[in-house]
Amino acid sequence: MATSHWVRRTQREGRQRSTAYATRIVRTEVPRPVTEPTTIWSRPERQSRGPRPAYSRAQITAAAVAVADADGLDAASMRRVAAEIGTGAMSLYRYVPSRDDLVELMIDHVHGEFGLPDAPSGDWRADLRLGAEHARAALLRHPWAVDARRARPALGPNQLRYLEFMMGALDVGIPVDDIMTYSGLVTSYVQDTVREEAAWAAETRRTGMTADAWMRASGGYVRDLMAFGRYPMLTRVVRDARQPHLGREERFAYGLDRVLACIAAMLPEVP
């Protein structure tokens, strides 16, 4: 009886030791997972081995931008872009791992059309104006890009070039947090105006009515609102404001002048 109990205990302890040993082997031999790149910009476009790619990122991106320009950002799916370049959707993932990566490439492509100099000139006001005007022109050609931006920082080469130019223009001895804030004011102003211009253009295509035609058609209702006497600011806008009657270029310049004046008021005494 005692012998039988000793045998069972020995077998149990042997199994426990074997399990512990196997666990140590597994823990030792299983490799640690390799951290995957979190951005398309850290992935090499071409692997060091294997056949030459049939398409380049630039070709894929240009096709995606053309689709978005014609039919909107949502239309630029992996399947649609693959069809445009003559391949299958699954094949496209060999070049661009995800649609988020594709959108990132598209946004950087648009920034590449800004056409800014390599470095600021030293005249911060002229440089910010140049950056704003070039950005607006490119975004009006690709209005979908205004709302395609992700919350995460943009690290594409053309986006970084824009960042360096705009922030470098304001590097006049102020804290970098102020530089970020003031350059962000200009960028936000550009995006807001482009968004409004694009919305009016879309509304005109949808209804056939321009902004001027809409104001004329709404004249009777607006006069009734003014007659109530409850909307003094609306009354002032209708009677005195110049902006609603300016052309798009003049209106953009008017607002940009005010944004730059606000920035100037916060800067030290620089030219």
Protein backbone atom coordinates (compact mmCIF):
# COMPACT_ATOMS: atom_id res chain seq x y z
CA MET A 1 0.00 0.00 0.00
CA ALA A 2 2.79 2.37 1.00
CA THR A 3 4.71 1.40 -2.11
CA SER A 4 1.73 2.13 -4.34
CA HIS A 5 1.27 5.57 -2.77
CA TRP A 6 4.98 6.33 -3.25
CA VAL A 7 4.75 5.34 -6.94
CA ARG A 8 1.74 7.62 -7.59
CA ARG A 9 3.44 10.55 -5.81
CA THR A 10 6.63 10.03 -7.79
CA GLN A 11 4.70 9.95 -11.05
CA ARG A 12 2.80 13.14 -10.15
CA GLU A 13 5.98 15.00 -9.20
CA GLY A 14 7.61 13.81 -12.40
CA ARG A 15 4.74 15.20 -14.48
CA GLN A 16 4.95 18.54 -12.63
CA ARG A 17 8.69 18.79 -13.25
CA SER A 18 8.18 17.95 -16.95
CA THR A 19 5.48 20.61 -17.27
CA ALA A 20 7.65 23.23 -15.58
CA TYR A 21 10.60 22.32 -17.81
CA ALA A 22 8.48 22.50 -20.95
CA THR A 23 7.11 25.87 -19.86
CA ARG A 24 10.63 27.22 -19.42
CA ILE A 25 11.52 25.98 -22.90
CA VAL A 26 8.47 27.64 -24.44
CA ARG A 27 9.13 30.89 -22.63
CA THR A 28 12.76 30.82 -23.71
CA GLU A 29 12.32 29.81 -27.34
CA VAL A 30 9.23 31.80 -28.38
CA PRO A 31 10.62 34.94 -30.07
CA ARG A 32 9.37 38.36 -29.03
CA PRO A 33 6.98 39.89 -31.53
CA VAL A 34 8.57 42.39 -33.87
CA THR A 35 7.03 45.85 -33.61
CA GLU A 36 5.31 46.69 -36.89
CA PRO A 37 5.82 50.14 -38.42
CA THR A 38 3.04 52.47 -37.36
CA THR A 39 3.22 54.73 -40.42
CA ILE A 40 3.57 54.22 -44.14
CA TRP A 41 6.65 56.45 -44.10
CA SER A 42 8.64 53.94 -42.03
CA ARG A 43 7.92 51.11 -44.49
CA PRO A 44 10.35 50.73 -47.39
CA GLU A 45 8.60 51.08 -50.71
CA ARG A 46 10.56 48.19 -52.17
CA GLN A 47 11.75 45.13 -50.30
CA SER A 48 15.41 44.24 -50.54
CA ARG A 49 14.52 40.90 -52.08
CA GLY A 50 11.93 39.70 -54.53
CA PRO A 51 10.74 40.76 -57.97
CA ARG A 52 10.62 44.35 -59.11
CA PRO A 53 7.24 45.92 -58.16
CA ALA A 54 4.85 46.45 -61.05
CA TYR A 55 3.62 49.76 -59.60
CA SER A 56 5.13 52.57 -57.57
CA ARG A 57 3.54 54.33 -54.62
CA ALA A 58 3.48 57.49 -56.73
CA GLN A 59 1.42 55.75 -59.44
CA ILE A 60 -1.01 54.33 -56.90
CA THR A 61 -1.34 57.65 -55.11
CA ALA A 62 -1.92 59.59 -58.33
CA ALA A 63 -4.70 57.18 -59.29
CA ALA A 64 -6.32 57.52 -55.86
CA VAL A 65 -6.16 61.32 -56.00
CA ALA A 66 -7.78 61.30 -59.44
CA VAL A 67 -10.64 59.16 -58.13
CA ALA A 68 -11.14 61.43 -55.10
CA ASP A 69 -11.11 64.53 -57.29
CA ALA A 70 -13.79 63.06 -59.53
CA ASP A 71 -16.04 61.29 -57.04
CA GLY A 72 -14.97 62.22 -53.50
CA LEU A 73 -12.68 60.64 -50.93
CA ASP A 74 -15.06 57.80 -50.05
CA ALA A 75 -14.93 56.62 -53.67
CA ALA A 76 -11.17 56.09 -53.45
CA SER A 77 -11.46 52.60 -51.99
CA MET A 78 -8.70 50.04 -52.31
CA ARG A 79 -10.84 48.09 -54.79
CA ARG A 80 -11.58 51.17 -56.94
CA VAL A 81 -7.97 52.33 -57.00
CA ALA A 82 -6.77 48.83 -57.84
CA ALA A 83 -9.18 48.72 -60.76
CA GLU A 84 -7.95 52.11 -61.98
CA ILE A 85 -4.36 50.89 -62.23
CA GLY A 86 -5.35 47.49 -63.61
CA THR A 87 -4.75 45.12 -60.71
CA GLY A 88 -6.72 43.32 -58.01
CA ALA A 89 -7.57 44.78 -54.62
CA MET A 90 -5.56 42.15 -52.76
CA SER A 91 -2.54 42.88 -54.93
CA LEU A 92 -2.74 46.55 -53.96
CA TYR A 93 -2.15 45.66 -50.30
CA ARG A 94 1.34 44.50 -51.25
CA TYR A 95 2.16 48.13 -52.00
CA VAL A 96 -0.05 49.98 -49.50
CA PRO A 97 -0.90 47.98 -46.35
CA SER A 98 -4.18 49.76 -45.51
CA ARG A 99 -6.58 52.39 -46.73
CA ASP A 100 -5.45 54.69 -43.90
CA ASP A 101 -1.98 54.48 -45.42
CA LEU A 102 -3.43 55.26 -48.84
CA VAL A 103 -5.18 58.37 -47.51
CA GLU A 104 -1.92 59.45 -45.86
CA LEU A 105 -0.14 59.16 -49.20
CA MET A 106 -2.93 61.14 -50.88
CA ILE A 107 -2.75 63.96 -48.34
CA ASP A 108 1.01 64.20 -48.74
CA HIS A 109 0.59 64.26 -52.52
CA VAL A 110 -1.67 67.32 -52.21
CA HIS A 111 0.87 69.02 -49.92
CA GLY A 112 3.45 68.41 -52.62
CA GLU A 113 1.46 70.77 -54.87
CA PHE A 114 1.93 73.69 -52.45
CA GLY A 115 5.15 74.55 -54.25
CA LEU A 116 6.83 76.41 -51.40
CA PRO A 117 10.48 77.51 -51.36
CA ASP A 118 13.01 75.35 -49.56
CA ALA A 119 13.30 77.83 -46.69
CA PRO A 120 11.57 80.98 -45.40
CA SER A 121 12.80 84.31 -46.73
CA GLY A 122 13.11 86.05 -43.37
CA ASP A 123 9.98 88.15 -43.87
CA TRP A 124 7.54 86.20 -41.67
CA ARG A 125 4.44 88.03 -42.90
CA ALA A 126 5.25 87.50 -46.58
CA ASP A 127 6.17 83.87 -45.95
CA LEU A 128 2.95 83.08 -44.09
CA ARG A 129 0.94 84.80 -46.80
CA LEU A 130 2.73 82.79 -49.48
CA GLY A 131 2.15 79.54 -47.60
CA ALA A 132 -1.52 80.34 -47.08
CA GLU A 133 -2.14 81.30 -50.71
CA HIS A 134 -0.37 78.23 -52.10
CA ALA A 135 -2.13 75.91 -49.66
CA ARG A 136 -5.52 77.36 -50.54
CA ALA A 137 -4.91 76.98 -54.28
CA ALA A 138 -3.94 73.31 -53.91
CA LEU A 139 -6.77 72.49 -51.52
CA LEU A 140 -9.34 74.08 -53.82
CA ARG A 141 -8.15 71.68 -56.51
CA HIS A 142 -8.56 68.80 -54.05
CA PRO A 143 -11.19 69.95 -51.51
CA TRP A 144 -11.66 66.43 -50.12
CA ALA A 145 -8.19 66.76 -48.56
CA VAL A 146 -9.40 69.38 -46.05
CA ASP A 147 -11.44 66.84 -44.12
CA ALA A 148 -9.23 63.84 -44.85
CA ARG A 149 -6.66 64.81 -42.22
CA ARG A 150 -6.30 62.47 -39.26
CA ALA A 151 -5.83 63.60 -35.68
CA ARG A 152 -2.39 62.02 -35.49
CA PRO A 153 0.62 64.12 -36.56
CA ALA A 154 1.34 64.21 -40.26
CA LEU A 155 4.89 63.02 -41.01
CA GLY A 156 4.98 62.72 -44.79
CA PRO A 157 7.85 64.48 -46.57
CA ASN A 158 5.68 67.15 -48.21
CA GLN A 159 3.68 67.73 -45.04
CA LEU A 160 6.93 68.13 -43.10
CA ARG A 161 8.20 70.59 -45.68
CA TYR A 162 5.06 72.72 -45.20
CA LEU A 163 5.40 72.50 -41.42
CA GLU A 164 9.06 73.52 -41.52
CA PHE A 165 8.35 76.44 -43.83
CA MET A 166 5.40 77.85 -41.87
CA MET A 167 6.87 77.33 -38.43
CA GLY A 168 10.32 78.40 -39.58
CA ALA A 169 8.86 81.70 -40.79
CA LEU A 170 7.78 82.40 -37.21
CA ASP A 171 11.07 81.39 -35.59
CA VAL A 172 11.78 84.96 -34.50
CA GLY A 173 12.73 84.40 -30.88
CA ILE A 174 9.39 83.31 -29.46
CA PRO A 175 8.60 80.01 -27.66
CA VAL A 176 7.98 77.04 -29.92
CA ASP A 177 4.50 76.64 -28.40
CA ASP A 178 3.65 80.11 -29.69
CA ILE A 179 5.08 79.23 -33.08
CA MET A 180 2.81 76.18 -33.21
CA THR A 181 -0.22 78.24 -32.20
CA TYR A 182 0.32 81.08 -34.67
CA SER A 183 1.15 78.84 -37.64
CA GLY A 184 -1.90 76.78 -36.71
CA LEU A 185 -4.06 79.91 -36.91
CA VAL A 186 -3.02 80.44 -40.51
CA THR A 187 -3.52 76.79 -41.45
CA SER A 188 -6.95 76.69 -39.78
CA TYR A 189 -8.01 79.88 -41.55
CA VAL A 190 -7.02 78.39 -44.91
CA GLN A 191 -8.87 75.15 -44.22
CA ASP A 192 -12.01 76.93 -43.03
CA THR A 193 -12.18 79.18 -46.09
CA VAL A 194 -11.57 76.28 -48.47
CA ARG A 195 -14.23 74.24 -46.70
CA GLU A 196 -16.73 77.09 -47.11
CA GLU A 197 -15.83 77.71 -50.75
CA ALA A 198 -16.09 74.00 -51.53
CA ALA A 199 -19.46 73.79 -49.77
CA TRP A 200 -20.86 76.70 -51.79
CA ALA A 201 -19.55 75.12 -55.00
CA ALA A 202 -21.22 71.82 -54.11
CA GLU A 203 -24.46 73.61 -53.26
CA THR A 204 -24.39 75.46 -56.56
CA ARG A 205 -23.93 72.21 -58.45
CA ARG A 206 -26.78 70.62 -56.49
CA THR A 207 -29.30 73.44 -56.81
CA GLY A 208 -28.07 75.53 -59.72
CA MET A 209 -28.20 78.59 -57.45
CA THR A 210 -25.10 80.70 -56.77
CA ALA A 211 -24.44 82.46 -53.47
CA ASP A 212 -25.48 85.80 -54.98
CA ALA A 213 -28.69 84.27 -56.32
CA TRP A 214 -29.43 82.74 -52.93
CA MET A 215 -29.01 86.12 -51.21
CA ARG A 216 -31.39 87.75 -53.66
CA ALA A 217 -33.94 84.96 -53.25
CA SER A 218 -33.72 85.26 -49.46
CA GLY A 219 -34.07 89.05 -49.46
CA GLY A 220 -37.73 89.16 -48.44
CA TYR A 221 -37.27 86.86 -45.48
CA VAL A 222 -34.16 88.72 -44.32
CA ARG A 223 -36.00 92.06 -44.49
CA ASP A 224 -38.76 90.57 -42.32
CA LEU A 225 -36.17 89.47 -39.76
CA MET A 226 -34.66 92.96 -39.72
CA ALA A 227 -38.10 94.49 -39.23
CA PHE A 228 -38.65 92.49 -36.03
CA GLY A 229 -35.88 94.49 -34.36
CA ARG A 230 -34.64 91.43 -32.48
CA TYR A 231 -31.52 90.81 -34.56
CA PRO A 232 -29.33 93.93 -34.44
CA MET A 233 -26.13 92.16 -35.54
CA LEU A 234 -27.79 90.55 -38.52
CA THR A 235 -29.14 93.98 -39.43
CA ARG A 236 -25.64 95.45 -39.29
CA VAL A 237 -24.27 92.64 -41.47
CA VAL A 238 -26.93 93.19 -44.11
CA ARG A 239 -26.61 96.98 -44.11
CA ASP A 240 -22.89 97.54 -43.55
CA ALA A 241 -20.81 94.41 -44.16
CA ARG A 242 -18.52 94.36 -47.19
CA GLN A 243 -17.44 90.73 -47.02
CA PRO A 244 -20.59 89.13 -48.45
CA HIS A 245 -20.15 91.26 -51.58
CA LEU A 246 -16.45 90.60 -52.12
CA GLY A 247 -15.11 88.11 -54.61
CA ARG A 248 -13.55 84.92 -53.31
CA GLU A 249 -9.98 86.15 -53.72
CA GLU A 250 -10.71 89.49 -52.06
CA ARG A 251 -12.56 87.86 -49.19
CA PHE A 252 -9.72 85.43 -48.55
CA ALA A 253 -7.15 88.24 -48.60
CA TYR A 254 -9.28 90.37 -46.27
CA GLY A 255 -9.47 87.62 -43.65
CA LEU A 256 -5.83 86.64 -44.02
CA ASP A 257 -4.75 90.23 -43.43
CA ARG A 258 -6.64 90.19 -40.12
CA VAL A 259 -5.14 86.86 -39.07
CA LEU A 260 -1.63 88.14 -39.78
CA ALA A 261 -2.39 91.38 -37.91
CA CYS A 262 -3.43 89.36 -34.85
CA ILE A 263 -0.18 87.39 -35.03
CA ALA A 264 1.84 90.60 -35.40
CA ALA A 265 0.26 91.97 -32.24
CA MET A 266 1.65 88.99 -30.30
CA LEU A 267 5.18 89.06 -31.71
CA PRO A 268 8.15 91.02 -30.40
CA GLU A 269 9.27 94.02 -32.40
CA VAL A 270 10.49 92.39 -35.60
CA PRO A 271 10.30 93.62 -39.18
